[in-house]
Protein backbone atom coordinates (compact mmCIF):
# COMPACT_ATOMS: atom_id res chain seq x y z
CA UNK A 1 12.53 -4.65 25.59
CA UNK A 2 15.37 -6.48 26.59
CA UNK A 3 16.79 -9.81 25.14
CA UNK A 4 15.89 -12.91 27.15
CA UNK A 5 19.14 -14.49 28.02
CA UNK A 6 19.37 -18.35 27.69
CA UNK A 7 20.05 -20.54 30.18
CA UNK A 8 22.24 -23.37 30.17
CA UNK A 9 19.64 -25.30 32.09
CA UNK A 10 16.98 -24.47 29.60
CA UNK A 11 19.08 -26.11 26.68
CA UNK A 12 20.21 -28.75 29.12
CA UNK A 13 16.82 -29.80 29.55
CA UNK A 14 15.67 -30.18 25.81
CA UNK A 15 18.71 -31.87 25.16
CA UNK A 16 17.17 -34.92 26.29
CA UNK A 17 13.90 -34.57 24.33
CA UNK A 18 15.14 -35.45 21.12
CA UNK A 19 12.10 -34.65 19.08
CA UNK A 20 12.34 -31.10 20.26
CA UNK A 21 16.10 -31.17 18.62
CA UNK A 22 17.31 -29.75 14.81
CA UNK A 23 21.13 -29.97 14.21
CA UNK A 24 21.31 -27.68 11.50
CA UNK A 25 23.85 -26.00 9.18
CA UNK A 26 23.98 -22.86 6.84
CA UNK A 27 25.72 -22.86 3.89
CA UNK A 28 26.01 -20.76 0.88
CA UNK A 29 28.46 -18.95 -1.81
CA UNK A 30 30.70 -16.55 -0.26
CA UNK A 31 28.52 -13.28 0.43
CA UNK A 32 25.60 -14.52 0.11
CA UNK A 33 24.67 -13.14 3.62
CA UNK A 34 25.01 -16.63 5.35
CA UNK A 35 26.85 -14.53 8.78
CA UNK A 36 24.52 -11.83 8.76
CA UNK A 37 21.42 -14.21 9.16
CA UNK A 38 23.25 -15.88 11.67
CA UNK A 39 23.79 -12.85 13.87
CA UNK A 40 19.99 -12.19 13.41
CA UNK A 41 19.45 -15.21 14.82
CA UNK A 42 21.49 -14.86 17.49
CA UNK A 43 20.18 -11.60 18.42
CA UNK A 44 16.82 -13.75 18.71
CA UNK A 45 18.15 -16.06 21.11
CA UNK A 46 19.60 -12.85 23.44
CA UNK A 47 23.38 -13.86 22.79
CA UNK A 48 23.60 -10.37 20.72
CA UNK A 49 22.14 -7.05 21.56
CA UNK A 50 19.78 -6.71 18.50
CA UNK A 51 21.45 -3.02 17.78
CA UNK A 52 24.37 -4.93 16.22
CA UNK A 53 23.13 -7.86 14.99
CA UNK A 54 24.03 -7.73 11.39
CA UNK A 55 27.20 -5.72 11.78
CA UNK A 56 28.98 -7.87 14.99
CA UNK A 57 29.16 -10.98 13.05
CA UNK A 58 29.56 -13.28 16.36
CA UNK A 59 30.16 -16.25 15.11
CA UNK A 60 33.22 -15.13 13.40
CA UNK A 61 35.05 -14.95 16.96
CA UNK A 62 38.72 -15.26 14.89
CA UNK A 63 40.31 -11.53 13.95
CA UNK A 64 41.14 -12.42 10.54
CA UNK A 65 37.41 -13.28 10.15
CA UNK A 66 36.49 -10.39 11.59
CA UNK A 67 39.03 -8.18 9.20
CA UNK A 68 38.05 -10.02 6.44
CA UNK A 69 34.97 -10.31 6.65
CA UNK A 70 34.25 -13.84 6.07
CA UNK A 71 33.66 -16.96 7.87
CA UNK A 72 36.45 -19.26 8.31
CA UNK A 73 36.22 -20.83 11.49
CA UNK A 74 33.04 -23.28 11.97
CA UNK A 75 31.25 -21.95 14.87
CA UNK A 76 28.62 -23.59 16.99
CA UNK A 77 25.83 -22.36 19.25
CA UNK A 78 22.12 -23.68 20.45
CA UNK A 79 19.32 -21.53 20.44
CA UNK A 80 15.92 -22.09 22.05
CA UNK A 81 12.78 -21.20 19.53
CA UNK A 82 9.21 -21.56 20.27
CA UNK A 83 6.62 -22.11 18.65
CA UNK A 84 3.12 -21.81 19.96
CA UNK A 85 4.53 -21.98 23.47
CA UNK A 86 6.44 -25.15 22.72
CA UNK A 87 9.99 -24.49 22.78
CA UNK A 88 12.64 -26.61 20.82
CA UNK A 89 16.50 -26.19 20.27
CA UNK A 90 18.17 -25.60 17.57
CA UNK A 91 22.12 -26.01 17.20
CA UNK A 92 23.57 -24.22 14.39
CA UNK A 93 26.68 -24.80 13.44
CA UNK A 94 27.68 -21.85 11.20
CA UNK A 95 30.69 -22.76 7.59
CA UNK A 96 32.49 -21.35 5.78
CA UNK A 97 31.22 -20.21 2.10
CA UNK A 98 34.74 -19.57 0.54
CA UNK A 99 35.89 -22.11 -1.65
CA UNK A 100 39.13 -22.36 0.08
CA UNK A 101 37.51 -24.08 3.45
CA UNK A 102 35.17 -26.22 1.70
CA UNK A 103 36.79 -28.86 3.50
CA UNK A 104 35.36 -27.48 6.79
CA UNK A 105 31.72 -27.42 5.35
CA UNK A 106 31.96 -31.39 4.92
CA UNK A 107 33.28 -31.72 7.95
CA UNK A 108 30.19 -29.56 9.61
CA UNK A 109 27.73 -31.30 7.54
CA UNK A 110 28.75 -35.01 8.98
CA UNK A 111 27.46 -33.56 12.27
CA UNK A 112 24.11 -32.37 10.81
CA UNK A 113 20.81 -33.13 9.81
CA UNK A 114 19.24 -30.09 7.86
CA UNK A 115 20.73 -27.17 6.38
CA UNK A 116 19.56 -23.60 5.34
CA UNK A 117 20.65 -22.88 1.57
CA UNK A 118 20.96 -19.12 1.54
CA UNK A 119 21.00 -17.31 -1.90
CA UNK A 120 21.39 -13.98 -3.30
CA UNK A 121 18.52 -12.83 -5.04
CA UNK A 122 20.44 -10.68 -7.31
CA UNK A 123 23.45 -13.28 -8.17
CA UNK A 124 21.01 -16.53 -7.92
CA UNK A 125 22.83 -19.89 -7.76
CA UNK A 126 26.76 -19.34 -8.26
CA UNK A 127 29.14 -22.13 -8.26
CA UNK A 128 29.70 -22.14 -4.77
CA UNK A 129 25.89 -22.74 -4.06
CA UNK A 130 26.33 -25.97 -5.81
CA UNK A 131 29.36 -27.38 -4.26
CA UNK A 132 27.67 -26.84 -0.91
CA UNK A 133 24.37 -28.19 -2.11
CA UNK A 134 26.02 -30.96 -3.38
CA UNK A 135 28.14 -32.00 -0.40
CA UNK A 136 24.83 -31.68 1.73
CA UNK A 137 22.87 -34.01 -0.82
CA UNK A 138 26.05 -36.52 -0.46
CA UNK A 139 25.84 -36.91 3.42
CA UNK A 140 22.23 -37.09 3.09
CA UNK A 141 21.59 -33.87 5.10
CA UNK A 142 18.26 -31.82 3.84
CA UNK A 143 18.11 -28.24 2.80
CA UNK A 144 15.58 -25.53 2.96
CA UNK A 145 16.10 -22.43 0.77
CA UNK A 146 16.72 -18.69 1.98
CA UNK A 147 16.31 -16.07 -0.90
CA UNK A 148 18.27 -13.41 1.12
CA UNK A 149 18.76 -9.45 -0.54
CA UNK A 150 15.67 -9.39 -2.07
CA UNK A 151 15.50 -5.48 -1.20
CA UNK A 152 18.23 -4.92 -3.93
CA UNK A 153 15.69 -6.77 -6.91
CA UNK A 154 13.68 -3.07 -5.40
CA UNK A 155 16.22 -0.59 -4.48
CA UNK A 156 18.81 -1.35 -6.62
CA UNK A 157 17.38 -3.22 -10.01
CA UNK A 158 14.01 -1.49 -9.50
CA UNK A 159 12.10 -4.78 -10.55
CA UNK A 160 8.58 -4.23 -10.70
CA UNK A 161 6.56 -7.11 -8.54
CA UNK A 162 5.98 -9.48 -11.12
CA UNK A 163 9.38 -9.35 -12.66
CA UNK A 164 10.97 -9.91 -8.87
CA UNK A 165 8.22 -12.78 -8.70
CA UNK A 166 9.55 -14.71 -11.94
CA UNK A 167 13.12 -14.15 -10.99
CA UNK A 168 12.42 -15.50 -7.42
CA UNK A 169 10.87 -18.59 -9.33
CA UNK A 170 13.72 -19.05 -11.68
CA UNK A 171 16.31 -19.40 -8.53
CA UNK A 172 13.63 -22.15 -6.72
CA UNK A 173 13.49 -23.72 -10.21
CA UNK A 174 17.45 -23.75 -10.72
CA UNK A 175 17.88 -24.86 -7.06
CA UNK A 176 15.42 -27.95 -7.52
CA UNK A 177 17.56 -28.45 -10.33
CA UNK A 178 20.49 -29.38 -8.35
CA UNK A 179 18.44 -31.20 -6.24
CA UNK A 180 17.16 -33.41 -9.29
CA UNK A 181 20.77 -33.83 -10.24
CA UNK A 182 22.95 -34.43 -7.08
CA UNK A 183 19.96 -35.86 -4.94
CA UNK A 184 19.30 -39.61 -4.03
CA UNK A 185 16.40 -41.20 -6.18
CA UNK A 186 14.42 -41.93 -3.25
CA UNK A 187 14.78 -38.39 -1.41
CA UNK A 188 15.01 -35.65 -3.97
CA UNK A 189 11.29 -35.73 -4.83
CA UNK A 190 10.65 -35.21 -1.38
CA UNK A 191 13.32 -32.57 -0.57
CA UNK A 192 12.66 -30.52 -3.36
CA UNK A 193 11.79 -27.12 -1.91
CA UNK A 194 8.32 -25.22 -2.27
CA UNK A 195 7.06 -22.06 -1.17
CA UNK A 196 3.56 -23.42 -0.53
CA UNK A 197 4.92 -26.19 1.10
CA UNK A 198 6.85 -23.40 3.60
CA UNK A 199 10.16 -25.08 2.74
CA UNK A 200 11.37 -21.58 0.89
CA UNK A 201 11.90 -17.98 2.85
CA UNK A 202 12.57 -14.74 1.24
CA UNK A 203 13.85 -11.66 3.47
CA UNK A 204 16.75 -9.23 4.00
CA UNK A 205 19.50 -10.40 6.95
CA UNK A 206 20.98 -7.35 6.88
CA UNK A 207 17.45 -5.73 7.56
CA UNK A 208 16.40 -8.68 9.41
CA UNK A 209 13.05 -9.12 7.78
CA UNK A 210 12.05 -12.46 6.08
CA UNK A 211 8.80 -14.52 5.37
CA UNK A 212 7.69 -18.14 4.08
CA UNK A 213 4.11 -17.86 2.44
CA UNK A 214 2.71 -19.08 5.86
CA UNK A 215 3.91 -15.70 7.44
CA UNK A 216 2.72 -13.84 5.26
CA UNK A 217 -0.79 -15.27 4.78
CA UNK A 218 -0.84 -14.75 8.91
CA UNK A 219 0.11 -11.37 8.72
CA UNK A 220 -1.62 -10.08 5.57
CA UNK A 221 1.76 -8.71 3.96
CA UNK A 222 2.22 -9.25 0.23
CA UNK A 223 5.44 -8.52 -1.93
CA UNK A 224 4.04 -4.74 -2.90
CA UNK A 225 4.04 -3.91 0.77
CA UNK A 226 7.47 -4.55 1.30
CA UNK A 227 8.27 -2.51 -1.92
CA UNK A 228 6.03 0.13 -0.70
CA UNK A 229 8.30 0.05 2.61
CA UNK A 230 11.31 0.72 0.97
CA UNK A 231 10.24 3.19 -1.25
CA UNK A 232 9.17 5.25 1.49
CA UNK A 233 12.12 4.39 3.31
CA UNK A 234 9.90 2.37 6.21
CA UNK A 235 12.04 -0.90 6.22
CA UNK A 236 12.69 -0.51 9.74
CA UNK A 237 9.05 -1.52 10.10
CA UNK A 238 9.54 -4.91 8.13
CA UNK A 239 11.53 -5.88 10.86
CA UNK A 240 9.08 -5.85 13.24
CA UNK A 241 5.96 -7.38 11.58
CA UNK A 242 7.71 -9.98 9.93
CA UNK A 243 10.49 -10.36 11.49
CA UNK A 244 13.49 -12.69 10.29
CA UNK A 245 13.97 -15.00 13.10
CA UNK A 246 10.87 -16.23 13.17
CA UNK A 247 10.60 -17.05 9.05
CA UNK A 248 13.94 -18.89 9.40
CA UNK A 249 13.58 -21.26 12.69
CA UNK A 250 9.30 -21.35 11.79
CA UNK A 251 10.92 -23.50 8.48
CA UNK A 252 13.81 -25.31 10.17
CA UNK A 253 11.46 -26.47 12.88
CA UNK A 254 8.80 -27.39 11.02
CA UNK A 255 10.59 -28.62 7.62
CA UNK A 256 14.22 -29.86 8.84
CA UNK A 257 14.19 -33.55 10.23
CA UNK A 258 15.09 -34.18 14.54
CA UNK A 259 18.24 -36.64 14.93
CA UNK A 260 15.69 -39.87 15.50
CA UNK A 261 14.10 -39.62 12.00
CA UNK A 262 17.79 -38.58 10.23
CA UNK A 263 19.56 -41.16 11.97
CA UNK A 264 17.47 -43.85 10.23
CA UNK A 265 18.57 -42.84 6.77
CA UNK A 266 21.99 -40.90 7.45
CA UNK A 267 23.37 -44.01 9.46
CA UNK A 268 23.13 -46.32 6.34
CA UNK A 269 25.06 -43.66 4.24
CA UNK A 270 27.93 -42.59 6.45
CA UNK A 271 28.49 -46.19 8.52
CA UNK A 272 29.10 -49.18 6.94
CA UNK A 273 29.14 -51.45 9.78
CA UNK A 274 26.19 -53.96 10.33
CA UNK A 275 23.17 -52.24 11.12
CA UNK A 276 21.44 -55.37 12.71
CA UNK A 277 24.59 -55.10 15.48
CA UNK A 278 23.87 -53.70 19.19
CA UNK A 279 25.81 -50.43 17.80
CA UNK A 280 24.07 -49.92 14.49
CA UNK A 281 20.83 -50.56 16.14
CA UNK A 282 21.40 -47.94 18.86
CA UNK A 283 22.49 -45.52 15.86
CA UNK A 284 19.90 -46.20 13.86
CA UNK A 285 17.37 -45.40 17.15
CA UNK A 286 19.47 -42.44 18.33
CA UNK A 287 19.53 -44.52 21.87
CA UNK A 288 20.70 -42.23 24.90
CA UNK A 289 21.68 -45.46 26.74
CA UNK A 290 23.60 -47.41 24.01
CA UNK A 291 27.14 -47.81 23.55
CA UNK A 292 28.31 -44.15 23.08
CA UNK A 293 29.76 -43.37 19.91
CA UNK A 294 30.89 -40.20 18.53
CA UNK A 295 32.10 -38.81 14.80
CA UNK A 296 34.52 -36.33 15.46
CA UNK A 297 34.03 -33.28 12.99
CA UNK A 298 36.75 -30.87 14.27
CA UNK A 299 39.92 -30.82 16.58
CA UNK A 300 40.84 -27.19 17.70
CA UNK A 301 44.42 -26.28 19.76
CA UNK A 302 43.42 -24.02 22.69
CA UNK A 303 46.36 -22.26 24.54
CA UNK A 304 44.80 -22.81 28.11
CA UNK A 305 42.68 -26.57 27.50
CA UNK A 306 44.59 -27.97 24.93
CA UNK A 307 42.67 -30.00 22.46
CA UNK A 308 39.27 -29.59 21.82
CA UNK A 309 37.45 -32.34 20.32
CA UNK A 310 33.97 -31.51 18.80
CA UNK A 311 31.61 -33.82 16.87
CA UNK A 312 28.46 -35.23 16.57
CA UNK A 313 26.97 -38.12 19.22
CA UNK A 314 25.48 -41.00 17.35
CA UNK A 315 24.32 -42.78 20.30
CA UNK A 316 25.01 -42.92 24.29
CA UNK A 317 25.59 -40.44 26.61
CA UNK A 318 28.95 -39.08 27.09
CA UNK A 319 30.26 -37.61 30.35
CA UNK A 320 33.19 -36.60 32.39
CA UNK A 321 35.52 -39.77 33.65
CA UNK A 322 34.20 -42.06 30.60
CA UNK A 323 36.92 -44.60 29.20
CA UNK A 324 36.30 -44.04 25.23
CA UNK A 325 38.45 -45.21 22.26
CA UNK A 326 39.15 -43.39 19.25
CA UNK A 327 39.27 -46.31 16.41
CA UNK A 328 41.84 -44.03 13.72
CA UNK A 329 44.73 -43.81 16.39
CA UNK A 330 43.84 -47.11 18.11
CA UNK A 331 44.36 -45.29 21.30
CA UNK A 332 42.01 -44.98 24.79
CA UNK A 333 41.47 -42.11 27.05
CA UNK A 334 39.33 -40.96 29.40
CA UNK A 335 37.03 -37.98 28.70
CA UNK A 336 38.51 -34.92 31.43
CA UNK A 337 35.73 -32.56 30.84
CA UNK A 338 32.43 -32.33 28.74
CA UNK A 339 31.04 -29.04 27.39
CA UNK A 340 28.76 -27.28 24.85
CA UNK A 341 28.78 -24.38 22.47
CA UNK A 342 27.59 -20.92 23.12
CA UNK A 343 29.09 -19.15 20.00
CA UNK A 344 32.79 -18.43 21.31
CA UNK A 345 32.53 -20.00 24.51
CA UNK A 346 31.88 -23.24 26.12
CA UNK A 347 29.82 -23.83 28.63
CA UNK A 348 30.97 -26.94 30.82
CA UNK A 349 27.97 -29.68 31.90
CA UNK A 350 27.57 -32.88 33.22
CA UNK A 351 26.72 -35.15 30.05
CA UNK A 352 25.06 -34.89 26.67
CA UNK A 353 22.93 -37.24 25.11
CA UNK A 354 22.81 -38.92 21.69
CA UNK A 355 21.48 -36.64 18.59
CA UNK A 356 23.53 -33.35 20.02
CA UNK A 357 26.83 -31.99 19.58
CA UNK A 358 29.36 -32.38 22.02
CA UNK A 359 32.92 -30.79 22.89
CA UNK A 360 35.46 -33.08 24.61
CA UNK A 361 39.08 -32.56 26.51
CA UNK A 362 41.43 -35.19 27.21
CA UNK A 363 42.06 -36.70 23.98
CA UNK A 364 45.26 -35.17 22.76
CA UNK A 365 45.39 -36.87 19.70
CA UNK A 366 41.78 -36.67 18.27
CA UNK A 367 41.26 -35.17 14.76
CA UNK A 368 38.46 -34.49 12.40
CA UNK A 369 36.84 -37.16 10.90
CA UNK A 370 37.91 -39.45 13.86
CA UNK A 371 35.12 -42.25 15.23
CA UNK A 372 34.94 -42.41 19.23
CA UNK A 373 33.50 -45.46 20.92
CA UNK A 374 32.63 -46.97 24.05
CA UNK A 375 35.98 -48.17 25.32
CA UNK A 376 33.82 -51.59 25.96
CA UNK A 377 33.19 -52.06 21.95
CA UNK A 378 36.78 -50.76 20.89
CA UNK A 379 37.09 -54.51 19.43
CA UNK A 380 33.95 -54.08 17.27
CA UNK A 381 33.51 -50.50 16.40
CA UNK A 382 33.63 -49.86 12.60
CA UNK A 383 34.99 -46.23 12.13
CA UNK A 384 32.51 -43.60 10.23
CA UNK A 385 32.74 -43.68 6.22
CA UNK A 386 35.91 -41.51 5.25
CA UNK A 387 34.94 -37.66 5.02
CA UNK A 388 35.40 -37.09 0.79
CA UNK A 389 36.59 -34.00 0.49
CA UNK A 390 35.48 -31.74 -2.66
CA UNK A 391 39.05 -30.79 -3.26
CA UNK A 392 42.98 -31.67 -2.58
CA UNK A 393 45.48 -29.39 -1.53
CA UNK A 394 46.52 -27.84 -5.20
CA UNK A 395 49.63 -25.84 -3.62
CA UNK A 396 52.59 -26.38 -1.72
CA UNK A 397 54.88 -23.30 -0.36
CA UNK A 398 58.48 -24.41 1.55
CA UNK A 399 58.97 -22.80 5.21
CA UNK A 400 62.38 -21.94 6.84
CA UNK A 401 62.24 -19.63 10.06
CA UNK A 402 64.58 -16.49 9.97
CA UNK A 403 66.45 -17.33 12.44
CA UNK A 404 67.44 -21.27 12.55
CA UNK A 405 67.04 -21.25 15.99
CA UNK A 406 63.13 -21.06 15.35
CA UNK A 407 62.89 -24.16 13.77
CA UNK A 408 61.07 -25.69 17.20
CA UNK A 409 58.62 -23.56 16.67
CA UNK A 410 57.71 -23.49 12.84
CA UNK A 411 57.36 -27.29 13.48
CA UNK A 412 55.24 -26.98 16.44
CA UNK A 413 52.81 -24.09 13.81
CA UNK A 414 53.46 -26.58 11.17
CA UNK A 415 51.79 -29.35 13.16
CA UNK A 416 49.15 -27.24 14.77
CA UNK A 417 47.87 -26.33 11.66
CA UNK A 418 47.44 -29.81 10.38
CA UNK A 419 45.99 -30.91 13.43
CA UNK A 420 42.91 -27.97 12.96
CA UNK A 421 42.93 -28.73 9.35
CA UNK A 422 42.73 -31.87 7.66
CA UNK A 423 42.93 -30.43 4.11
CA UNK A 424 46.96 -29.41 5.13
CA UNK A 425 49.69 -31.68 4.92
CA UNK A 426 53.12 -30.62 6.54
CA UNK A 427 56.24 -33.02 5.22
CA UNK A 428 59.89 -32.27 4.85
CA UNK A 429 61.36 -32.81 2.32
CA UNK A 430 64.53 -35.26 3.33
CA UNK A 431 66.50 -34.29 -0.05
CA UNK A 432 66.82 -30.07 0.76
CA UNK A 433 65.67 -30.41 4.27
CA UNK A 434 62.53 -28.18 3.53
CA UNK A 435 59.49 -27.97 5.18
CA UNK A 436 56.62 -28.22 2.75
CA UNK A 437 53.22 -27.33 3.49
CA UNK A 438 50.41 -28.11 1.40
CA UNK A 439 46.85 -27.30 1.42
CA UNK A 440 43.66 -25.31 -1.03
């Protein structure tokens, strides 16, 4: 069976059906298997050949990430998933797990409504699991849980089914304790995860199998069957009987909110303007025909296209030629191009409506955290709350070019770095003439 390559047109049709959209991210402690899991989902979307999923690391499209095997950039992708013949659109943002890049995690969270938190079954809840979960809850982003590397409990730790089960229950309990600790009073009880409710999945991203209790019951799979498959070296079969992507995407579609539901409680948290105003109501109801409002979550410099500004549209519809205003920079622009993401590629489209993630060209001073609004509303728009970063710059290095003639190049590169990463600060020490770069 060849993978079904998804057509942009299918995705565009779904973009206007907001009940069927899920904007999600995947967060985890480093090396808990987040990118491996993402690749498994991409293979199902027909964007990667299933043979290489797990090794390909498709969303890690920077050479540096491929070499180091960690996710630095935050990439976006749109997937289609069907449940009982009904298609859903899952906009997925892969986020870094490494502590040096938490600023990028924070920015990605602003654009999404739900997250899959990945936890390694052997290592359990780690420091970074706590940090990223706290960040998600602060932004009112709802979590579901995936316990990864269950195969290691069987193969390496050689636990009996009973011991394995106790370990898994402990992970769930510890994770719920984080929600109890950092969740908001009115949300935390609803948001705690529970395998019986279907908000916890178990599996192995590397071997591409996974299940929720509902799937296990439907398929008649028991934990003992999984252990048996490994003992007999037949783990390949699990991928066919309980494929990981089904468990993950079913859980996302059934238990994470669509943009209409999510914006009703998220806008109150991330925007301090007048909720009863035209803009406030349009954002609360995720209206396509309201004033265009977008929160930019990343700015990248592309050698060919120039600056690409990516973000979440909270109200209105953005299309080429629109006159918009950047609230922080106090500058107006004409949108030169609108596109949606497919991993490392951008597909140019006519327009993108509220509740979706879009990439825009032509806004050369746009930065992450910036608020964009339809020019007609520029005088009344209150910007989104400042994105709060978990850590401030802690290290400063002085840079100088080997040859003084390269000084303009150095200044240019430092400027580009500061554009792409708001956690970096580039300054010049007037007394010494040194060029300083501060960051994490």
